[in-house]
């Protein structure tokens, strides 16, 4: 029983460290487009004060996969190569240029 508790605790710490590492490496780029939880499209823009802002569309995403990605569930494969986990948004992935569809935020 004690072994399970130590294993579960160790796994939780490793998971938190990995998620924090990915979140820390994210740099918002105005030339790139992103996707939130395989649903909403996101982009980085500059505000009037020249501050960088990250914003996403607000489509309804009722499926179960969205909820799992929103919680950064590691059992759901990332839809693209460059993905990050954020407590606020969930799974944010950079959309490769060859997968971009024409859309505006």
PDB file of N, CA and C in Angstrom:
ATOM      1  N   UNK A   1       0.818  -1.194   0.000  1.00  0.00           N
ATOM      2  CA  UNK A   1       0.000   0.000   0.000  1.00  0.00           C
ATOM      3  C   UNK A   1       0.865   1.263   0.000  1.00  0.00           C
ATOM      4  N   UNK A   2       1.946   1.248   0.792  1.00  0.00           N
ATOM      5  CA  UNK A   2       2.829   2.406   0.865  1.00  0.00           C
ATOM      6  C   UNK A   2       3.537   2.618  -0.464  1.00  0.00           C
ATOM      7  N   UNK A   3       3.872   1.535  -1.163  1.00  0.00           N
ATOM      8  CA  UNK A   3       4.534   1.644  -2.462  1.00  0.00           C
ATOM      9  C   UNK A   3       3.639   2.349  -3.470  1.00  0.00           C
ATOM     10  N   UNK A   4       2.351   2.032  -3.472  1.00  0.00           N
ATOM     11  CA  UNK A   4       1.408   2.691  -4.388  1.00  0.00           C
ATOM     12  C   UNK A   4       1.323   4.185  -4.110  1.00  0.00           C
ATOM     13  N   UNK A   5       1.290   4.547  -2.829  1.00  0.00           N
ATOM     14  CA  UNK A   5       1.195   5.960  -2.463  1.00  0.00           C
ATOM     15  C   UNK A   5       2.433   6.722  -2.923  1.00  0.00           C
ATOM     16  N   UNK A   6       3.617   6.140  -2.713  1.00  0.00           N
ATOM     17  CA  UNK A   6       4.861   6.788  -3.136  1.00  0.00           C
ATOM     18  C   UNK A   6       4.904   6.889  -4.645  1.00  0.00           C
ATOM     19  N   UNK A   7       4.519   5.825  -5.350  1.00  0.00           N
ATOM     20  CA  UNK A   7       4.505   5.834  -6.813  1.00  0.00           C
ATOM     21  C   UNK A   7       3.540   6.899  -7.336  1.00  0.00           C
ATOM     22  N   UNK A   8       2.332   6.936  -6.777  1.00  0.00           N
ATOM     23  CA  UNK A   8       1.342   7.934  -7.207  1.00  0.00           C
ATOM     24  C   UNK A   8       1.810   9.349  -6.942  1.00  0.00           C
ATOM     25  N   UNK A   9       2.424   9.573  -5.784  1.00  0.00           N
ATOM     26  CA  UNK A   9       2.940  10.896  -5.439  1.00  0.00           C
ATOM     27  C   UNK A   9       4.069  11.293  -6.388  1.00  0.00           C
ATOM     28  N   UNK A  10       4.991  10.352  -6.687  1.00  0.00           N
ATOM     29  CA  UNK A  10       6.107  10.622  -7.603  1.00  0.00           C
ATOM     30  C   UNK A  10       5.591  10.942  -9.000  1.00  0.00           C
ATOM     31  N   UNK A  11       4.603  10.201  -9.468  1.00  0.00           N
ATOM     32  CA  UNK A  11       4.023  10.443 -10.789  1.00  0.00           C
ATOM     33  C   UNK A  11       3.393  11.825 -10.849  1.00  0.00           C
ATOM     34  N   UNK A  12       2.702  12.213  -9.793  1.00  0.00           N
ATOM     35  CA  UNK A  12       2.075  13.537  -9.763  1.00  0.00           C
ATOM     36  C   UNK A  12       3.120  14.632  -9.820  1.00  0.00           C
ATOM     37  N   UNK A  13       4.217  14.479  -9.099  1.00  0.00           N
ATOM     38  CA  UNK A  13       5.280  15.497  -9.116  1.00  0.00           C
ATOM     39  C   UNK A  13       5.918  15.579 -10.496  1.00  0.00           C
ATOM     40  N   UNK A  14       6.230  14.451 -11.103  1.00  0.00           N
ATOM     41  CA  UNK A  14       6.826  14.441 -12.442  1.00  0.00           C
ATOM     42  C   UNK A  14       5.869  15.089 -13.445  1.00  0.00           C
ATOM     43  N   UNK A  15       4.583  14.767 -13.365  1.00  0.00           N
ATOM     44  CA  UNK A  15       3.595  15.348 -14.275  1.00  0.00           C
ATOM     45  C   UNK A  15       3.549  16.859 -14.115  1.00  0.00           C
ATOM     46  N   UNK A  16       3.537  17.348 -12.888  1.00  0.00           N
ATOM     47  CA  UNK A  16       3.514  18.790 -12.653  1.00  0.00           C
ATOM     48  C   UNK A  16       4.764  19.456 -13.208  1.00  0.00           C
ATOM     49  N   UNK A  17       5.918  18.835 -13.017  1.00  0.00           N
ATOM     50  CA  UNK A  17       7.155  19.409 -13.536  1.00  0.00           C
ATOM     51  C   UNK A  17       7.154  19.462 -15.055  1.00  0.00           C
ATOM     52  N   UNK A  18       6.675  18.413 -15.701  1.00  0.00           N
ATOM     53  CA  UNK A  18       6.608  18.391 -17.160  1.00  0.00           C
ATOM     54  C   UNK A  18       5.657  19.468 -17.662  1.00  0.00           C
ATOM     55  N   UNK A  19       4.477  19.576 -17.062  1.00  0.00           N
ATOM     56  CA  UNK A  19       3.520  20.582 -17.506  1.00  0.00           C
ATOM     57  C   UNK A  19       4.064  21.983 -17.308  1.00  0.00           C
ATOM     58  N   UNK A  20       4.725  22.238 -16.194  1.00  0.00           N
ATOM     59  CA  UNK A  20       5.295  23.553 -15.952  1.00  0.00           C
ATOM     60  C   UNK A  20       6.405  23.852 -16.955  1.00  0.00           C
ATOM     61  N   UNK A  21       7.202  22.841 -17.287  1.00  0.00           N
ATOM     62  CA  UNK A  21       8.278  23.041 -18.259  1.00  0.00           C
ATOM     63  C   UNK A  21       7.705  23.438 -19.611  1.00  0.00           C
ATOM     64  N   UNK A  22       6.651  22.736 -20.064  1.00  0.00           N
ATOM     65  CA  UNK A  22       6.051  23.083 -21.344  1.00  0.00           C
ATOM     66  C   UNK A  22       5.460  24.480 -21.310  1.00  0.00           C
ATOM     67  N   UNK A  23       4.771  24.830 -20.232  1.00  0.00           N
ATOM     68  CA  UNK A  23       4.145  26.143 -20.136  1.00  0.00           C
ATOM     69  C   UNK A  23       5.193  27.241 -20.138  1.00  0.00           C
ATOM     70  N   UNK A  24       6.332  27.006 -19.478  1.00  0.00           N
ATOM     71  CA  UNK A  24       7.373  28.018 -19.423  1.00  0.00           C
ATOM     72  C   UNK A  24       8.035  28.232 -20.785  1.00  0.00           C
ATOM     73  N   UNK A  25       8.036  27.235 -21.652  1.00  0.00           N
ATOM     74  CA  UNK A  25       8.714  27.367 -22.940  1.00  0.00           C
ATOM     75  C   UNK A  25       7.845  28.020 -24.016  1.00  0.00           C
ATOM     76  N   UNK A  26       6.588  28.294 -23.716  1.00  0.00           N
ATOM     77  CA  UNK A  26       5.693  28.899 -24.694  1.00  0.00           C
ATOM     78  C   UNK A  26       6.034  30.375 -24.875  1.00  0.00           C
ATOM     79  N   UNK A  27       6.204  30.779 -26.129  1.00  0.00           N
ATOM     80  CA  UNK A  27       6.424  32.186 -26.450  1.00  0.00           C
ATOM     81  C   UNK A  27       5.392  32.570 -27.502  1.00  0.00           C
ATOM     82  N   UNK A  28       4.565  33.509 -27.163  1.00  0.00           N
ATOM     83  CA  UNK A  28       3.504  33.941 -28.062  1.00  0.00           C
ATOM     84  C   UNK A  28       4.115  34.682 -29.255  1.00  0.00           C
ATOM     85  N   UNK A  29       3.786  34.253 -30.459  1.00  0.00           N
ATOM     86  CA  UNK A  29       4.360  34.826 -31.680  1.00  0.00           C
ATOM     87  C   UNK A  29       3.225  35.317 -32.575  1.00  0.00           C
ATOM     88  N   UNK A  30       3.259  36.588 -32.949  1.00  0.00           N
ATOM     89  CA  UNK A  30       2.171  37.155 -33.760  1.00  0.00           C
ATOM     90  C   UNK A  30       2.131  36.574 -35.174  1.00  0.00           C
ATOM     91  N   UNK A  31       3.185  35.900 -35.597  1.00  0.00           N
ATOM     92  CA  UNK A  31       3.222  35.297 -36.933  1.00  0.00           C
ATOM     93  C   UNK A  31       2.680  33.865 -36.950  1.00  0.00           C
ATOM     94  N   UNK A  32       2.332  33.345 -35.772  1.00  0.00           N
ATOM     95  CA  UNK A  32       1.856  31.964 -35.686  1.00  0.00           C
ATOM     96  C   UNK A  32       0.404  31.936 -35.234  1.00  0.00           C
ATOM     97  N   UNK A  33      -0.272  30.827 -35.528  1.00  0.00           N
ATOM     98  CA  UNK A  33      -1.651  30.610 -35.085  1.00  0.00           C
ATOM     99  C   UNK A  33      -1.673  29.381 -34.198  1.00  0.00           C
ATOM    100  N   UNK A  34      -2.613  29.369 -33.283  1.00  0.00           N
ATOM    101  CA  UNK A  34      -2.684  28.316 -32.281  1.00  0.00           C
ATOM    102  C   UNK A  34      -4.101  27.752 -32.217  1.00  0.00           C
ATOM    103  N   UNK A  35      -4.226  26.594 -31.609  1.00  0.00           N
ATOM    104  CA  UNK A  35      -5.526  25.963 -31.434  1.00  0.00           C
ATOM    105  C   UNK A  35      -5.680  25.539 -29.981  1.00  0.00           C
ATOM    106  N   UNK A  36      -6.814  25.875 -29.397  1.00  0.00           N
ATOM    107  CA  UNK A  36      -7.092  25.548 -28.005  1.00  0.00           C
ATOM    108  C   UNK A  36      -7.943  24.297 -27.941  1.00  0.00           C
ATOM    109  N   UNK A  37      -7.427  23.245 -27.315  1.00  0.00           N
ATOM    110  CA  UNK A  37      -8.167  22.011 -27.061  1.00  0.00           C
ATOM    111  C   UNK A  37      -8.859  21.435 -28.294  1.00  0.00           C
ATOM    112  N   UNK A  38      -8.183  21.489 -29.454  1.00  0.00           N
ATOM    113  CA  UNK A  38      -8.719  20.998 -30.740  1.00  0.00           C
ATOM    114  C   UNK A  38     -10.043  21.663 -31.107  1.00  0.00           C
ATOM    115  N   UNK A  39     -10.262  22.874 -30.664  1.00  0.00           N
ATOM    116  CA  UNK A  39     -11.543  23.530 -30.939  1.00  0.00           C
ATOM    117  C   UNK A  39     -11.352  24.986 -31.372  1.00  0.00           C
ATOM    118  N   UNK A  40     -11.085  25.849 -30.429  1.00  0.00           N
ATOM    119  CA  UNK A  40     -10.980  27.284 -30.715  1.00  0.00           C
ATOM    120  C   UNK A  40      -9.647  27.640 -31.355  1.00  0.00           C
ATOM    121  N   UNK A  41      -9.674  28.640 -32.226  1.00  0.00           N
ATOM    122  CA  UNK A  41      -8.466  29.148 -32.855  1.00  0.00           C
ATOM    123  C   UNK A  41      -7.966  30.341 -32.054  1.00  0.00           C
ATOM    124  N   UNK A  42      -6.640  30.453 -31.939  1.00  0.00           N
ATOM    125  CA  UNK A  42      -6.042  31.500 -31.113  1.00  0.00           C
ATOM    126  C   UNK A  42      -4.932  32.208 -31.879  1.00  0.00           C
ATOM    127  N   UNK A  43      -4.624  33.414 -31.416  1.00  0.00           N
ATOM    128  CA  UNK A  43      -3.547  34.190 -32.011  1.00  0.00           C
ATOM    129  C   UNK A  43      -2.992  35.164 -30.983  1.00  0.00           C
ATOM    130  N   UNK A  44      -1.807  35.631 -31.249  1.00  0.00           N
ATOM    131  CA  UNK A  44      -1.192  36.667 -30.431  1.00  0.00           C
ATOM    132  C   UNK A  44      -1.312  37.976 -31.201  1.00  0.00           C
ATOM    133  N   UNK A  45      -1.715  38.993 -30.523  1.00  0.00           N
ATOM    134  CA  UNK A  45      -1.867  40.307 -31.144  1.00  0.00           C
ATOM    135  C   UNK A  45      -1.232  41.345 -30.243  1.00  0.00           C
ATOM    136  N   UNK A  46      -0.961  42.501 -30.804  1.00  0.00           N
ATOM    137  CA  UNK A  46      -0.445  43.590 -29.977  1.00  0.00           C
ATOM    138  C   UNK A  46      -1.571  44.577 -29.722  1.00  0.00           C
ATOM    139  N   UNK A  47      -1.672  44.991 -28.493  1.00  0.00           N
ATOM    140  CA  UNK A  47      -2.721  45.932 -28.093  1.00  0.00           C
ATOM    141  C   UNK A  47      -2.268  47.359 -28.391  1.00  0.00           C
ATOM    142  N   UNK A  48      -3.124  48.297 -28.072  1.00  0.00           N
ATOM    143  CA  UNK A  48      -2.814  49.707 -28.305  1.00  0.00           C
ATOM    144  C   UNK A  48      -1.537  50.143 -27.604  1.00  0.00           C
ATOM    145  N   UNK A  49      -1.280  49.564 -26.445  1.00  0.00           N
ATOM    146  CA  UNK A  49      -0.084  49.920 -25.682  1.00  0.00           C
ATOM    147  C   UNK A  49       1.113  49.064 -26.076  1.00  0.00           C
ATOM    148  N   UNK A  50       1.022  48.384 -27.201  1.00  0.00           N
ATOM    149  CA  UNK A  50       2.081  47.523 -27.723  1.00  0.00           C
ATOM    150  C   UNK A  50       2.360  46.301 -26.843  1.00  0.00           C
ATOM    151  N   UNK A  51       1.389  45.935 -26.001  1.00  0.00           N
ATOM    152  CA  UNK A  51       1.534  44.740 -25.180  1.00  0.00           C
ATOM    153  C   UNK A  51       1.011  43.539 -25.965  1.00  0.00           C
ATOM    154  N   UNK A  52       1.682  42.414 -25.823  1.00  0.00           N
ATOM    155  CA  UNK A  52       1.280  41.191 -26.503  1.00  0.00           C
ATOM    156  C   UNK A  52       0.086  40.574 -25.784  1.00  0.00           C
ATOM    157  N   UNK A  53      -0.949  40.218 -26.534  1.00  0.00           N
ATOM    158  CA  UNK A  53      -2.135  39.597 -25.955  1.00  0.00           C
ATOM    159  C   UNK A  53      -2.421  38.285 -26.668  1.00  0.00           C
ATOM    160  N   UNK A  54      -2.866  37.299 -25.915  1.00  0.00           N
ATOM    161  CA  UNK A  54      -3.242  35.991 -26.444  1.00  0.00           C
ATOM    162  C   UNK A  54      -4.760  35.892 -26.381  1.00  0.00           C
ATOM    163  N   UNK A  55      -5.400  35.655 -27.522  1.00  0.00           N
ATOM    164  CA  UNK A  55      -6.862  35.572 -27.531  1.00  0.00           C
ATOM    165  C   UNK A  55      -7.309  34.421 -28.420  1.00  0.00           C
ATOM    166  N   UNK A  56      -8.499  33.881 -28.085  1.00  0.00           N
ATOM    167  CA  UNK A  56      -9.046  32.736 -28.810  1.00  0.00           C
ATOM    168  C   UNK A  56     -10.501  32.991 -29.182  1.00  0.00           C
ATOM    169  N   UNK A  57     -10.962  32.299 -30.217  1.00  0.00           N
ATOM    170  CA  UNK A  57     -12.384  32.324 -30.535  1.00  0.00           C
ATOM    171  C   UNK A  57     -13.133  31.640 -29.405  1.00  0.00           C
ATOM    172  N   UNK A  58     -14.430  31.794 -29.348  1.00  0.00           N
ATOM    173  CA  UNK A  58     -15.224  31.218 -28.251  1.00  0.00           C
ATOM    174  C   UNK A  58     -16.327  30.318 -28.797  1.00  0.00           C
ATOM    175  N   UNK A  59     -15.946  29.286 -29.535  1.00  0.00           N
ATOM    176  CA  UNK A  59     -16.927  28.347 -30.071  1.00  0.00           C
ATOM    177  C   UNK A  59     -17.339  27.363 -28.976  1.00  0.00           C
ATOM    178  N   UNK A  60     -18.548  26.851 -29.068  1.00  0.00           N
ATOM    179  CA  UNK A  60     -18.980  25.804 -28.151  1.00  0.00           C
ATOM    180  C   UNK A  60     -18.329  24.490 -28.541  1.00  0.00           C
ATOM    181  N   UNK A  61     -17.762  23.818 -27.599  1.00  0.00           N
ATOM    182  CA  UNK A  61     -17.059  22.568 -27.866  1.00  0.00           C
ATOM    183  C   UNK A  61     -17.573  21.506 -26.893  1.00  0.00           C
ATOM    184  N   UNK A  62     -18.703  20.893 -27.190  1.00  0.00           N
ATOM    185  CA  UNK A  62     -19.371  20.030 -26.219  1.00  0.00           C
ATOM    186  C   UNK A  62     -18.834  18.606 -26.087  1.00  0.00           C
ATOM    187  N   UNK A  63     -17.863  18.210 -26.893  1.00  0.00           N
ATOM    188  CA  UNK A  63     -17.452  16.803 -26.852  1.00  0.00           C
ATOM    189  C   UNK A  63     -16.546  16.488 -25.659  1.00  0.00           C
ATOM    190  N   UNK A  64     -16.436  15.218 -25.325  1.00  0.00           N
ATOM    191  CA  UNK A  64     -15.647  14.766 -24.190  1.00  0.00           C
ATOM    192  C   UNK A  64     -14.153  14.971 -24.370  1.00  0.00           C
ATOM    193  N   UNK A  65     -13.702  14.925 -25.620  1.00  0.00           N
ATOM    194  CA  UNK A  65     -12.277  15.123 -25.876  1.00  0.00           C
ATOM    195  C   UNK A  65     -11.857  16.545 -25.496  1.00  0.00           C
ATOM    196  N   UNK A  66     -12.719  17.521 -25.759  1.00  0.00           N
ATOM    197  CA  UNK A  66     -12.426  18.911 -25.386  1.00  0.00           C
ATOM    198  C   UNK A  66     -12.207  19.012 -23.875  1.00  0.00           C
ATOM    199  N   UNK A  67     -13.072  18.388 -23.111  1.00  0.00           N
ATOM    200  CA  UNK A  67     -12.961  18.444 -21.645  1.00  0.00           C
ATOM    201  C   UNK A  67     -11.651  17.813 -21.173  1.00  0.00           C
ATOM    202  N   UNK A  68     -11.270  16.712 -21.794  1.00  0.00           N
ATOM    203  CA  UNK A  68     -10.014  16.065 -21.411  1.00  0.00           C
ATOM    204  C   UNK A  68      -8.813  16.928 -21.784  1.00  0.00           C
ATOM    205  N   UNK A  69      -8.833  17.526 -22.968  1.00  0.00           N
ATOM    206  CA  UNK A  69      -7.745  18.408 -23.365  1.00  0.00           C
ATOM    207  C   UNK A  69      -7.707  19.654 -22.486  1.00  0.00           C
ATOM    208  N   UNK A  70      -8.883  20.127 -22.083  1.00  0.00           N
ATOM    209  CA  UNK A  70      -8.977  21.299 -21.199  1.00  0.00           C
ATOM    210  C   UNK A  70      -8.280  21.024 -19.871  1.00  0.00           C
ATOM    211  N   UNK A  71      -8.302  19.767 -19.448  1.00  0.00           N
ATOM    212  CA  UNK A  71      -7.634  19.366 -18.212  1.00  0.00           C
ATOM    213  C   UNK A  71      -6.230  18.806 -18.464  1.00  0.00           C
ATOM    214  N   UNK A  72      -5.733  18.957 -19.688  1.00  0.00           N
ATOM    215  CA  UNK A  72      -4.393  18.480 -20.069  1.00  0.00           C
ATOM    216  C   UNK A  72      -4.221  16.996 -19.779  1.00  0.00           C
ATOM    217  N   UNK A  73      -5.232  16.219 -20.072  1.00  0.00           N
ATOM    218  CA  UNK A  73      -5.206  14.770 -19.841  1.00  0.00           C
ATOM    219  C   UNK A  73      -4.133  14.141 -20.722  1.00  0.00           C
ATOM    220  N   UNK A  74      -3.131  13.490 -20.118  1.00  0.00           N
ATOM    221  CA  UNK A  74      -2.044  12.907 -20.916  1.00  0.00           C
ATOM    222  C   UNK A  74      -2.453  11.694 -21.740  1.00  0.00           C
ATOM    223  N   UNK A  75      -3.658  11.156 -21.524  1.00  0.00           N
ATOM    224  CA  UNK A  75      -4.088  10.001 -22.317  1.00  0.00           C
ATOM    225  C   UNK A  75      -4.593  10.411 -23.697  1.00  0.00           C
ATOM    226  N   UNK A  76      -4.863  11.692 -23.902  1.00  0.00           N
ATOM    227  CA  UNK A  76      -5.304  12.200 -25.211  1.00  0.00           C
ATOM    228  C   UNK A  76      -4.062  12.658 -25.972  1.00  0.00           C
ATOM    229  N   UNK A  77      -3.795  12.101 -27.141  1.00  0.00           N
ATOM    230  CA  UNK A  77      -2.604  12.526 -27.889  1.00  0.00           C
ATOM    231  C   UNK A  77      -2.740  13.976 -28.351  1.00  0.00           C
ATOM    232  N   UNK A  78      -1.630  14.687 -28.321  1.00  0.00           N
ATOM    233  CA  UNK A  78      -1.627  16.074 -28.775  1.00  0.00           C
ATOM    234  C   UNK A  78      -1.909  16.115 -30.269  1.00  0.00           C
ATOM    235  N   UNK A  79      -2.750  17.051 -30.703  1.00  0.00           N
ATOM    236  CA  UNK A  79      -3.110  17.105 -32.118  1.00  0.00           C
ATOM    237  C   UNK A  79      -1.985  17.586 -33.036  1.00  0.00           C
ATOM    238  N   UNK A  80      -1.046  18.344 -32.508  1.00  0.00           N
ATOM    239  CA  UNK A  80       0.062  18.855 -33.301  1.00  0.00           C
ATOM    240  C   UNK A  80       1.371  18.630 -32.544  1.00  0.00           C
ATOM    241  N   UNK A  81       2.471  18.939 -33.193  1.00  0.00           N
ATOM    242  CA  UNK A  81       3.793  18.678 -32.612  1.00  0.00           C
ATOM    243  C   UNK A  81       4.092  19.600 -31.418  1.00  0.00           C
ATOM    244  N   UNK A  82       3.843  20.882 -31.557  1.00  0.00           N
ATOM    245  CA  UNK A  82       4.176  21.848 -30.510  1.00  0.00           C
ATOM    246  C   UNK A  82       2.942  22.189 -29.691  1.00  0.00           C
ATOM    247  N   UNK A  83       2.826  21.588 -28.521  1.00  0.00           N
ATOM    248  CA  UNK A  83       1.685  21.823 -27.634  1.00  0.00           C
ATOM    249  C   UNK A  83       2.176  22.150 -26.233  1.00  0.00           C
ATOM    250  N   UNK A  84       1.380  22.953 -25.533  1.00  0.00           N
ATOM    251  CA  UNK A  84       1.688  23.350 -24.170  1.00  0.00           C
ATOM    252  C   UNK A  84       0.439  23.203 -23.328  1.00  0.00           C
ATOM    253  N   UNK A  85       0.631  22.991 -22.047  1.00  0.00           N
ATOM    254  CA  UNK A  85      -0.492  22.876 -21.122  1.00  0.00           C
ATOM    255  C   UNK A  85      -0.534  24.095 -20.215  1.00  0.00           C
ATOM    256  N   UNK A  86      -1.698  24.719 -20.143  1.00  0.00           N
ATOM    257  CA  UNK A  86      -1.903  25.879 -19.285  1.00  0.00           C
ATOM    258  C   UNK A  86      -3.112  25.633 -18.401  1.00  0.00           C
ATOM    259  N   UNK A  87      -2.987  25.974 -17.149  1.00  0.00           N
ATOM    260  CA  UNK A  87      -4.112  25.792 -16.234  1.00  0.00           C
ATOM    261  C   UNK A  87      -5.310  26.624 -16.697  1.00  0.00           C
ATOM    262  N   UNK A  88      -5.071  27.801 -17.216  1.00  0.00           N
ATOM    263  CA  UNK A  88      -6.154  28.710 -17.617  1.00  0.00           C
ATOM    264  C   UNK A  88      -6.895  28.250 -18.873  1.00  0.00           C
ATOM    265  N   UNK A  89      -6.146  27.743 -19.891  1.00  0.00           N
ATOM    266  CA  UNK A  89      -6.760  27.418 -21.180  1.00  0.00           C
ATOM    267  C   UNK A  89      -6.830  25.935 -21.479  1.00  0.00           C
ATOM    268  N   UNK A  90      -5.943  25.155 -20.909  1.00  0.00           N
ATOM    269  CA  UNK A  90      -5.873  23.745 -21.264  1.00  0.00           C
ATOM    270  C   UNK A  90      -4.732  23.516 -22.240  1.00  0.00           C
ATOM    271  N   UNK A  91      -4.964  22.700 -23.255  1.00  0.00           N
ATOM    272  CA  UNK A  91      -3.936  22.350 -24.227  1.00  0.00           C
ATOM    273  C   UNK A  91      -3.945  23.345 -25.390  1.00  0.00           C
ATOM    274  N   UNK A  92      -2.848  24.054 -25.551  1.00  0.00           N
ATOM    275  CA  UNK A  92      -2.687  25.018 -26.647  1.00  0.00           C
ATOM    276  C   UNK A  92      -1.622  24.470 -27.578  1.00  0.00           C
ATOM    277  N   UNK A  93      -1.961  24.364 -28.869  1.00  0.00           N
ATOM    278  CA  UNK A  93      -1.017  23.831 -29.857  1.00  0.00           C
ATOM    279  C   UNK A  93      -0.790  24.837 -30.976  1.00  0.00           C
ATOM    280  N   UNK A  94       0.438  24.893 -31.429  1.00  0.00           N
ATOM    281  CA  UNK A  94       0.767  25.712 -32.593  1.00  0.00           C
ATOM    282  C   UNK A  94       0.293  24.976 -33.838  1.00  0.00           C
ATOM    283  N   UNK A  95      -0.405  25.666 -34.710  1.00  0.00           N
ATOM    284  CA  UNK A  95      -0.877  25.058 -35.959  1.00  0.00           C
ATOM    285  C   UNK A  95       0.232  25.202 -36.999  1.00  0.00           C
ATOM    286  N   UNK A  96       0.721  24.099 -37.544  1.00  0.00           N
ATOM    287  CA  UNK A  96       1.750  24.194 -38.587  1.00  0.00           C
ATOM    288  C   UNK A  96       1.231  24.976 -39.794  1.00  0.00           C
ATOM    289  N   UNK A  97       2.110  25.702 -40.435  1.00  0.00           N
ATOM    290  CA  UNK A  97       1.703  26.542 -41.570  1.00  0.00           C
ATOM    291  C   UNK A  97       0.984  25.759 -42.659  1.00  0.00           C
ATOM    292  N   UNK A  98       1.375  24.513 -42.875  1.00  0.00           N
ATOM    293  CA  UNK A  98       0.730  23.729 -43.935  1.00  0.00           C
ATOM    294  C   UNK A  98      -0.679  23.261 -43.520  1.00  0.00           C
ATOM    295  N   UNK A  99      -1.056  23.411 -42.246  1.00  0.00           N
ATOM    296  CA  UNK A  99      -2.397  23.033 -41.784  1.00  0.00           C
ATOM    297  C   UNK A  99      -3.311  24.240 -41.566  1.00  0.00           C
ATOM    298  N   UNK A 100      -2.781  25.422 -41.800  1.00  0.00           N
ATOM    299  CA  UNK A 100      -3.589  26.618 -41.542  1.00  0.00           C
ATOM    300  C   UNK A 100      -4.731  26.728 -42.533  1.00  0.00           C
ATOM    301  N   UNK A 101      -5.887  27.039 -41.992  1.00  0.00           N
ATOM    302  CA  UNK A 101      -7.051  27.352 -42.826  1.00  0.00           C
ATOM    303  C   UNK A 101      -7.194  28.863 -42.746  1.00  0.00           C
ATOM    304  N   UNK A 102      -7.815  29.474 -43.709  1.00  0.00           N
ATOM    305  CA  UNK A 102      -7.965  30.920 -43.631  1.00  0.00           C
ATOM    306  C   UNK A 102      -9.057  31.258 -42.619  1.00  0.00           C
ATOM    307  N   UNK A 103      -8.652  31.989 -41.642  1.00  0.00           N
ATOM    308  CA  UNK A 103      -9.584  32.461 -40.612  1.00  0.00           C
ATOM    309  C   UNK A 103      -9.005  33.716 -40.000  1.00  0.00           C
ATOM    310  N   UNK A 104      -9.835  34.530 -39.437  1.00  0.00           N
ATOM    311  CA  UNK A 104      -9.424  35.743 -38.745  1.00  0.00           C
ATOM    312  C   UNK A 104     -10.001  35.751 -37.361  1.00  0.00           C
ATOM    313  N   UNK A 105      -9.248  36.261 -36.423  1.00  0.00           N
ATOM    314  CA  UNK A 105      -9.773  36.416 -35.069  1.00  0.00           C
ATOM    315  C   UNK A 105     -10.370  37.789 -34.915  1.00  0.00           C
TER     316      UNK A 105
END
